Protein backbone atom coordinates (compact mmCIF):
# COMPACT_ATOMS: atom_id res chain seq x y z
CA MET A 1 -15.96 38.66 58.89
CA LYS A 2 -16.93 38.82 62.57
CA ASN A 3 -15.77 35.89 64.68
CA TYR A 4 -18.20 36.75 67.44
CA ILE A 5 -21.43 38.63 68.10
CA SER A 6 -22.87 39.56 71.47
CA ALA A 7 -26.11 38.29 72.96
CA ASP A 8 -27.68 41.71 72.31
CA GLU A 9 -26.69 41.59 68.65
CA PHE A 10 -28.06 38.07 68.29
CA THR A 11 -31.35 39.14 69.88
CA ALA A 12 -31.68 42.07 67.48
CA TYR A 13 -30.99 39.81 64.47
CA TRP A 14 -33.52 37.22 65.63
CA ILE A 15 -36.32 39.75 66.23
CA GLU A 16 -35.56 41.43 62.90
CA PHE A 17 -35.73 38.04 61.17
CA ILE A 18 -39.06 37.09 62.79
CA LYS A 19 -40.63 40.44 61.91
CA GLN A 20 -39.43 40.54 58.31
CA LYS A 21 -39.49 36.88 57.27
CA ILE A 22 -42.11 35.17 59.46
CA ILE A 23 -44.81 37.52 60.74
CA THR A 24 -45.30 38.94 57.25
CA ASP A 25 -46.70 35.57 56.09
CA SER A 26 -50.46 35.24 56.63
CA GLN A 27 -50.04 31.60 57.74
CA TRP A 28 -47.57 32.26 60.56
CA GLU A 29 -50.15 31.78 63.33
CA GLU A 30 -51.12 28.38 61.96
CA TRP A 31 -47.46 27.27 61.97
CA TYR A 32 -46.87 28.72 65.41
CA ASP A 33 -49.94 27.21 67.10
CA HIS A 34 -50.36 23.91 65.29
CA ASP A 35 -47.45 23.01 63.02
CA TYR A 36 -44.12 22.89 64.87
CA LYS A 37 -42.38 21.24 61.93
CA THR A 38 -43.21 24.06 59.52
CA TRP A 39 -42.36 26.68 62.15
CA THR A 40 -38.95 25.06 62.60
CA GLU A 41 -38.43 24.80 58.83
CA LYS A 42 -39.26 28.47 58.35
CA THR A 43 -37.01 29.65 61.19
CA ILE A 44 -33.86 27.60 61.82
CA GLY A 45 -34.47 24.88 59.24
CA LEU A 46 -35.34 21.21 59.48
CA PRO A 47 -33.06 18.92 61.56
CA VAL A 48 -30.87 17.69 58.70
CA SER A 49 -27.07 17.71 59.01
CA GLU A 50 -26.04 20.14 56.28
CA GLU A 51 -24.44 23.52 55.66
CA GLY A 52 -27.51 25.26 54.31
CA ASN A 53 -31.30 25.46 54.26
CA SER A 54 -31.60 27.44 57.47
CA PRO A 55 -33.38 30.76 56.88
CA PHE A 56 -32.06 32.27 60.11
CA GLY A 57 -28.65 30.70 59.54
CA ASP A 58 -28.49 32.46 56.19
CA LEU A 59 -29.30 35.78 57.86
CA ILE A 60 -26.50 35.43 60.43
CA LYS A 61 -24.11 34.34 57.68
CA SER A 62 -24.96 37.44 55.64
CA LYS A 63 -24.49 39.71 58.66
CA THR A 64 -21.26 38.21 60.01
CA GLY A 65 -19.63 36.01 57.37
CA LEU A 66 -19.70 33.05 59.76
CA ARG A 67 -20.47 29.69 58.17
CA TYR A 68 -23.00 27.42 59.80
CA ARG A 69 -24.12 23.83 59.99
CA LYS A 70 -27.38 22.33 61.20
CA GLU A 71 -27.33 19.31 63.50
CA ASP A 72 -23.60 19.48 64.04
CA GLY A 73 -22.89 17.16 66.93
CA LEU A 74 -26.66 17.14 67.50
CA VAL A 75 -26.68 20.89 68.18
CA ASP A 76 -29.50 22.51 66.22
CA LEU A 77 -27.42 25.29 64.68
CA ALA A 78 -23.66 25.91 64.94
CA PHE A 79 -21.79 28.97 63.65
CA ALA A 80 -18.03 29.16 63.24
CA PRO A 81 -15.26 30.98 61.35
CA ASP A 82 -13.99 29.50 58.10
CA ASN A 83 -10.85 27.85 59.48
CA ASN A 84 -10.86 24.09 59.98
CA PHE A 85 -8.20 22.24 61.95
CA GLU A 86 -4.89 22.17 60.05
CA GLY A 87 -1.56 20.33 60.02
CA LEU A 88 -2.97 16.98 61.04
CA ASN A 89 -0.87 13.88 60.40
CA THR A 90 -2.28 11.56 57.80
CA LEU A 91 -2.80 7.88 58.47
CA HIS A 92 -2.73 6.79 54.83
CA GLU A 93 0.16 5.01 53.08
CA LYS A 94 -0.66 5.74 49.45
CA PRO A 95 0.33 9.23 48.26
CA LYS A 96 -2.94 9.69 46.40
CA ASP A 97 -4.86 9.35 49.67
CA LEU A 98 -2.76 11.79 51.65
CA PHE A 99 -4.10 15.08 52.86
CA LYS A 100 -2.45 17.26 55.46
CA GLU A 101 -5.31 19.59 56.29
CA LEU A 102 -9.04 19.48 56.81
CA THR A 103 -9.69 21.78 53.90
CA LYS A 104 -13.15 23.01 52.96
CA LYS A 105 -13.52 20.07 50.58
CA HIS A 106 -12.03 16.58 50.52
CA HIS A 107 -12.91 14.11 47.77
CA GLY A 108 -15.72 16.48 46.81
CA LYS A 109 -17.21 16.51 50.30
CA VAL A 110 -17.60 19.75 52.25
CA LEU A 111 -15.92 19.45 55.65
CA PHE A 112 -17.05 21.25 58.78
CA TYR A 113 -14.41 20.81 61.49
CA PRO A 114 -14.06 24.34 62.92
CA ARG A 115 -11.34 25.05 65.45
CA TYR A 116 -13.98 26.52 67.72
CA TYR A 117 -17.63 27.53 67.68
CA SER A 118 -18.65 31.16 67.78
CA ILE A 119 -22.36 30.54 68.37
CA LEU A 120 -24.38 27.47 69.30
CA VAL A 121 -28.17 27.60 69.07
CA GLU A 122 -30.74 25.24 70.52
CA HIS A 123 -34.33 25.76 69.38
CA GLU A 124 -37.03 24.03 71.45
CA ASN A 125 -40.70 24.45 70.60
CA ASP A 126 -41.80 22.55 73.72
CA ILE A 127 -41.12 24.80 76.71
CA TYR A 128 -41.67 21.90 79.10
CA ARG A 129 -38.57 20.15 77.73
CA CYS A 130 -36.31 23.15 77.26
CA PHE A 131 -34.26 22.22 80.35
CA GLU A 132 -32.79 19.39 78.25
CA GLU A 133 -31.42 21.93 75.77
CA MET A 134 -30.11 24.11 78.60
CA ALA A 135 -28.08 21.16 79.86
CA LYS A 136 -26.80 20.34 76.38
CA LEU A 137 -25.52 23.89 75.91
CA CYS A 138 -23.61 23.67 79.19
CA TYR A 139 -21.79 20.57 77.93
CA CYS A 140 -20.49 22.40 74.82
CA ARG A 141 -17.92 25.12 74.25
CA ALA A 142 -18.70 28.34 72.39
CA ARG A 143 -18.39 32.07 72.91
CA LEU A 144 -22.19 32.58 72.73
CA LYS A 145 -24.73 29.87 73.54
CA VAL A 146 -28.39 30.49 72.80
CA LEU A 147 -31.63 28.77 73.78
CA ILE A 148 -34.82 29.78 71.97
CA THR A 149 -38.13 28.50 73.32
CA TYR A 150 -41.80 29.52 73.55
CA ASN A 151 -44.13 30.14 76.46
CA GLU A 152 -47.85 29.32 76.50
CA ASN A 153 -50.05 31.84 74.70
CA ILE A 154 -51.53 34.57 76.87
CA ASP A 155 -55.21 33.87 77.46
CA SER A 156 -58.06 34.87 79.77
CA LYS A 157 -56.68 32.67 82.56
CA SER A 158 -53.04 33.69 82.78
CA ASP A 159 -50.12 35.46 81.19
CA TYR A 160 -47.92 32.47 82.24
CA LYS A 161 -45.22 34.82 83.48
CA PHE A 162 -44.48 32.37 86.29
CA MET A 163 -43.27 29.83 83.71
CA GLU A 164 -40.81 32.33 82.32
CA GLU A 165 -39.49 33.05 85.79
CA LEU A 166 -39.11 29.33 86.55
CA ILE A 167 -37.17 28.77 83.33
CA VAL A 168 -34.78 31.59 84.19
CA GLN A 169 -34.23 30.00 87.60
CA ASN A 170 -33.68 26.58 86.01
CA PHE A 171 -31.16 27.99 83.56
CA ARG A 172 -29.18 29.55 86.38
CA LYS A 173 -29.26 26.37 88.49
CA ILE A 174 -28.06 24.22 85.59
CA LYS A 175 -25.24 26.65 84.83
CA LEU A 176 -24.09 26.90 88.43
CA GLN A 177 -24.10 23.12 88.88
CA SER A 178 -22.30 22.50 85.59
CA ASN A 179 -19.41 24.63 86.88
CA GLU A 180 -18.92 22.52 90.00
CA GLY A 181 -16.52 20.14 88.28
CA TYR A 182 -14.97 22.30 85.57
CA GLN A 183 -15.20 26.06 85.39
CA GLU A 184 -16.35 27.50 82.07
CA ASN A 185 -14.38 30.08 80.10
CA GLU A 186 -15.01 33.54 81.52
CA GLN A 187 -15.70 34.98 78.06
CA THR A 188 -18.70 32.71 77.50
CA GLU A 189 -22.09 34.35 77.27
CA TYR A 190 -25.52 32.69 77.41
CA LEU A 191 -28.76 33.97 75.92
CA LEU A 192 -32.28 32.78 76.70
CA LEU A 193 -34.97 33.93 74.23
CA ILE A 194 -38.61 33.22 75.07
CA GLY A 195 -41.35 33.91 72.54
CA GLN A 196 -44.95 34.36 73.61
CA LYS A 197 -48.04 34.95 71.54
CA ASP A 198 -50.49 37.58 72.79
CA GLN A 199 -53.54 37.43 70.53
CA THR A 200 -52.06 38.25 67.11
CA LYS A 201 -48.71 39.56 68.40
CA LEU A 202 -45.55 37.57 69.04
CA ASN A 203 -43.51 39.12 71.84
CA TRP A 204 -39.93 38.26 72.82
CA PHE A 205 -38.27 38.26 76.22
CA SER A 206 -34.51 37.95 76.49
CA TYR A 207 -32.21 37.09 79.38
CA THR A 208 -28.42 37.02 79.29
CA PHE A 209 -26.16 35.14 81.67
CA ASP A 210 -22.44 35.12 82.24
CA PHE A 211 -20.26 32.02 82.50
CA GLU A 212 -21.33 31.50 86.11
CA GLY A 213 -25.03 31.63 85.35
CA LEU A 214 -25.53 35.13 86.77
CA LYS A 215 -27.90 37.42 84.92
CA ASN A 216 -26.38 40.42 83.19
């Protein structure tokens, strides 16, 4: 099992997933242009708190061995190693209710209390609100933090490249300002993935940032 993957590895997995699992379906353009709910369901999965039913989550799990949970602490997709917190003192009096560790199951319920996150993913279909997800990622701790969003489709009026450039600037500003009070771990890596439809093609643009918000 891999406890961590780089931003470049994540990008390669995401593009591979889109090409093999999404673009091959004849209805993908309808989902992409008009049906955000289905697009989300087919990519990262619907916003239900559970350890499953995320097509992309399943791919990362198969590649790395990391488990995942959707809507964990309101983060769209969280990946972590198998270990939960251990050795916690119980607050129960009756022996039958005692348990010393947050094991994978307790009273038949699957527990997801990882010691740390390896990857946190925010997926925002609305590019005009993606700054909210940027801020949320800065509040959390993980080795790799990823924002996936989508630019306007290229048309006869514009390629909307200026929007992509503004988002990159916003991401850097948010990261720099979030460090003013408490510096982030130097090992942390950020990844911004922006999809853009050009006629019948879906192109991807990736930007990586270090813990200070500087582009790599």
